[in-house]
Amino acid sequence: MNIVRILRYVSIAEATSFLLLLLVAMPLKYWAEFPIAVSLTGAAHGGLFIAYVGLVVIARGELGWTWGRTLLALVAAVLPVAPYLVERRWIKPVEEARASREVPAGA
């Protein structure tokens, strides 16, 4: 699996974990007095956040991003739905373009 595909998956997972933290775990903590939800979801989100940031920097060259676009992708990590947009508009097209250029084995 290549780094661009891994970044796509981590981007989706990071955005999803952020939304779960904000929309599920936080209400459980404060309205249902269930703080473990934030502890577990927060830990998962923290790991995914770190993975996303690292992968954005690592995959920058393969994606052909400028430092400006890289900075925007990093800022996107702190906005709840922005990593979905980064994946859909900036990462997925690059991966699809690469896949269309690859010749299947044995052809």
Foldseek 3Di string as FASTA:
>chain_A
DDLLVVLLVLLVVLLVLLCCLVPPQVCCCPVVVPNVSNVVSVVSNVVSLVVNLVSLVVCCVVLVHDVVVSVVSNVLSVPNCSSVVCSVPRRVVSVVVVVVPDDDPPD
